[in-house]
Amino acid sequence: MGINFIFHSKKYKLYRQKKWPVGLFHLAFICILLGAGITRYFSTEGTMLIREGEASGVFFSSGNYPQLE
């Protein structure tokens, strides 16, 4: 979809100042998809218990992950 956007931006001349809003609108979708992909493949899921007035750097997860200490 991103590659398709690049080719169509040249075809429809979305780089011109008159068509910037349309180009930025579609570029926003590309940024959202990139962010979703990064979150999907490089994140961890878990629960972090933080009581009022305390700080914590530990979270609990159902998966086994390597720990760096």
N, C-alpha and C. Protein backbone atom coordinates (compact mmCIF):
# COMPACT_ATOMS: atom_id res chain seq x y z
N MET A 1 0.83 -1.18 0.00
CA MET A 1 0.00 0.00 0.00
C MET A 1 0.88 1.26 0.00
N GLY A 2 1.99 1.19 0.74
CA GLY A 2 2.92 2.33 0.76
C GLY A 2 3.57 2.55 -0.58
N ILE A 3 3.97 1.47 -1.23
CA ILE A 3 4.59 1.57 -2.56
C ILE A 3 3.58 2.12 -3.57
N ASN A 4 2.36 1.66 -3.47
CA ASN A 4 1.29 2.15 -4.34
C ASN A 4 1.09 3.66 -4.15
N PHE A 5 1.15 4.13 -2.90
CA PHE A 5 1.00 5.55 -2.62
C PHE A 5 2.12 6.36 -3.27
N ILE A 6 3.34 5.85 -3.21
CA ILE A 6 4.47 6.58 -3.79
C ILE A 6 4.29 6.74 -5.30
N PHE A 7 3.91 5.66 -5.98
CA PHE A 7 3.72 5.75 -7.44
C PHE A 7 2.55 6.65 -7.81
N HIS A 8 1.47 6.60 -7.02
CA HIS A 8 0.33 7.45 -7.33
C HIS A 8 0.60 8.92 -6.97
N SER A 9 1.46 9.17 -5.99
CA SER A 9 1.78 10.56 -5.68
C SER A 9 2.50 11.22 -6.84
N LYS A 10 3.29 10.45 -7.58
CA LYS A 10 3.93 10.99 -8.78
C LYS A 10 2.92 11.17 -9.91
N LYS A 11 2.03 10.17 -10.05
CA LYS A 11 1.05 10.21 -11.14
C LYS A 11 0.08 11.38 -10.98
N TYR A 12 -0.42 11.57 -9.74
CA TYR A 12 -1.41 12.62 -9.50
C TYR A 12 -0.78 13.92 -8.99
N LYS A 13 0.54 13.97 -8.96
CA LYS A 13 1.30 15.17 -8.58
C LYS A 13 0.87 15.69 -7.21
N LEU A 14 0.88 14.80 -6.21
CA LEU A 14 0.47 15.17 -4.86
C LEU A 14 1.54 16.00 -4.15
N TYR A 15 2.70 16.17 -4.77
CA TYR A 15 3.76 16.97 -4.18
C TYR A 15 3.55 18.47 -4.44
N ARG A 16 2.62 18.83 -5.29
CA ARG A 16 2.33 20.24 -5.53
C ARG A 16 1.62 20.84 -4.33
N GLN A 17 1.83 22.12 -4.11
CA GLN A 17 1.28 22.77 -2.93
C GLN A 17 -0.25 22.73 -2.91
N LYS A 18 -0.88 22.75 -4.07
CA LYS A 18 -2.34 22.73 -4.14
C LYS A 18 -2.91 21.40 -3.65
N LYS A 19 -2.16 20.31 -3.78
CA LYS A 19 -2.65 18.98 -3.41
C LYS A 19 -1.99 18.44 -2.13
N TRP A 20 -1.29 19.28 -1.36
CA TRP A 20 -0.65 18.84 -0.13
C TRP A 20 -1.63 18.23 0.87
N PRO A 21 -2.81 18.80 1.08
CA PRO A 21 -3.72 18.19 2.06
C PRO A 21 -4.08 16.74 1.72
N VAL A 22 -4.29 16.46 0.47
CA VAL A 22 -4.62 15.10 0.05
C VAL A 22 -3.43 14.18 0.27
N GLY A 23 -2.23 14.65 -0.08
CA GLY A 23 -1.03 13.86 0.11
C GLY A 23 -0.74 13.59 1.57
N LEU A 24 -0.90 14.60 2.42
CA LEU A 24 -0.66 14.43 3.85
C LEU A 24 -1.69 13.49 4.48
N PHE A 25 -2.90 13.55 4.01
CA PHE A 25 -3.95 12.67 4.51
C PHE A 25 -3.57 11.21 4.26
N HIS A 26 -3.10 10.91 3.07
CA HIS A 26 -2.72 9.54 2.74
C HIS A 26 -1.40 9.15 3.42
N LEU A 27 -0.50 10.09 3.58
CA LEU A 27 0.75 9.82 4.28
C LEU A 27 0.49 9.49 5.76
N ALA A 28 -0.55 10.06 6.32
CA ALA A 28 -0.92 9.74 7.71
C ALA A 28 -1.31 8.28 7.84
N PHE A 29 -2.00 7.73 6.86
CA PHE A 29 -2.35 6.31 6.90
C PHE A 29 -1.10 5.43 6.86
N ILE A 30 -0.11 5.83 6.08
CA ILE A 30 1.14 5.08 6.01
C ILE A 30 1.82 5.10 7.38
N CYS A 31 1.85 6.26 8.04
CA CYS A 31 2.46 6.36 9.37
C CYS A 31 1.71 5.50 10.39
N ILE A 32 0.40 5.47 10.31
CA ILE A 32 -0.40 4.65 11.23
C ILE A 32 -0.12 3.17 11.00
N LEU A 33 -0.03 2.75 9.75
CA LEU A 33 0.27 1.35 9.45
C LEU A 33 1.67 0.96 9.90
N LEU A 34 2.65 1.84 9.73
CA LEU A 34 4.00 1.56 10.20
C LEU A 34 4.02 1.43 11.72
N GLY A 35 3.34 2.33 12.41
CA GLY A 35 3.27 2.26 13.87
C GLY A 35 2.59 0.99 14.35
N ALA A 36 1.53 0.59 13.68
CA ALA A 36 0.83 -0.64 14.05
C ALA A 36 1.71 -1.86 13.83
N GLY A 37 2.47 -1.88 12.75
CA GLY A 37 3.36 -3.00 12.48
C GLY A 37 4.49 -3.09 13.48
N ILE A 38 5.07 -1.95 13.84
CA ILE A 38 6.13 -1.94 14.84
C ILE A 38 5.60 -2.41 16.18
N THR A 39 4.43 -1.94 16.56
CA THR A 39 3.83 -2.37 17.82
C THR A 39 3.52 -3.86 17.80
N ARG A 40 3.03 -4.36 16.70
CA ARG A 40 2.65 -5.77 16.60
C ARG A 40 3.84 -6.70 16.74
N TYR A 41 4.95 -6.38 16.12
CA TYR A 41 6.07 -7.30 16.06
C TYR A 41 7.19 -7.04 17.08
N PHE A 42 7.21 -5.90 17.72
CA PHE A 42 8.29 -5.59 18.65
C PHE A 42 7.82 -5.24 20.06
N SER A 43 6.59 -5.51 20.41
CA SER A 43 6.09 -5.15 21.73
C SER A 43 5.94 -6.38 22.62
N THR A 44 5.77 -6.14 23.90
CA THR A 44 5.44 -7.20 24.86
C THR A 44 4.17 -6.81 25.57
N GLU A 45 3.43 -7.81 26.00
CA GLU A 45 2.16 -7.57 26.65
C GLU A 45 2.25 -8.08 28.08
N GLY A 46 1.71 -7.31 29.00
CA GLY A 46 1.74 -7.73 30.39
C GLY A 46 0.95 -6.80 31.27
N THR A 47 1.07 -7.04 32.57
CA THR A 47 0.36 -6.24 33.57
C THR A 47 1.39 -5.63 34.51
N MET A 48 1.21 -4.36 34.82
CA MET A 48 2.10 -3.67 35.75
C MET A 48 1.28 -3.15 36.91
N LEU A 49 1.62 -3.58 38.10
CA LEU A 49 0.91 -3.15 39.30
C LEU A 49 1.65 -1.96 39.91
N ILE A 50 0.97 -0.83 39.98
CA ILE A 50 1.57 0.38 40.55
C ILE A 50 0.61 0.91 41.61
N ARG A 51 1.06 0.94 42.82
CA ARG A 51 0.26 1.49 43.91
C ARG A 51 0.48 2.99 43.99
N GLU A 52 -0.46 3.67 44.63
CA GLU A 52 -0.41 5.11 44.73
C GLU A 52 0.84 5.55 45.49
N GLY A 53 1.59 6.47 44.91
CA GLY A 53 2.78 7.00 45.55
C GLY A 53 4.02 6.14 45.36
N GLU A 54 3.95 5.06 44.61
CA GLU A 54 5.09 4.18 44.40
C GLU A 54 5.53 4.20 42.94
N ALA A 55 6.74 3.74 42.70
CA ALA A 55 7.25 3.58 41.34
C ALA A 55 7.60 2.11 41.13
N SER A 56 7.46 1.64 39.91
CA SER A 56 7.74 0.24 39.64
C SER A 56 8.37 0.11 38.27
N GLY A 57 9.28 -0.84 38.14
CA GLY A 57 9.90 -1.12 36.86
C GLY A 57 9.72 -2.58 36.46
N VAL A 58 8.72 -3.24 37.04
CA VAL A 58 8.49 -4.66 36.82
C VAL A 58 7.08 -4.86 36.28
N PHE A 59 6.95 -5.71 35.27
CA PHE A 59 5.61 -6.09 34.82
C PHE A 59 5.55 -7.60 34.68
N PHE A 60 4.34 -8.12 34.80
CA PHE A 60 4.10 -9.56 34.78
C PHE A 60 3.50 -9.94 33.44
N SER A 61 4.00 -11.02 32.86
CA SER A 61 3.57 -11.45 31.56
C SER A 61 3.31 -12.96 31.58
N SER A 62 2.44 -13.41 30.71
CA SER A 62 2.17 -14.85 30.63
C SER A 62 3.21 -15.56 29.78
N GLY A 63 3.97 -14.82 28.99
CA GLY A 63 5.02 -15.42 28.16
C GLY A 63 6.37 -15.40 28.85
N ASN A 64 7.27 -16.24 28.42
CA ASN A 64 8.62 -16.27 28.95
C ASN A 64 9.53 -15.44 28.05
N TYR A 65 10.16 -14.44 28.63
CA TYR A 65 11.05 -13.55 27.89
C TYR A 65 12.39 -13.51 28.60
N PRO A 66 13.49 -13.35 27.86
CA PRO A 66 14.79 -13.23 28.52
C PRO A 66 14.86 -11.96 29.37
N GLN A 67 15.54 -12.04 30.50
CA GLN A 67 15.66 -10.89 31.39
C GLN A 67 17.09 -10.38 31.38
N LEU A 68 17.23 -9.08 31.32
CA LEU A 68 18.54 -8.43 31.40
C LEU A 68 18.61 -7.71 32.74
N GLU A 69 19.62 -8.02 33.52
CA GLU A 69 19.76 -7.36 34.82
C GLU A 69 21.03 -6.59 34.92
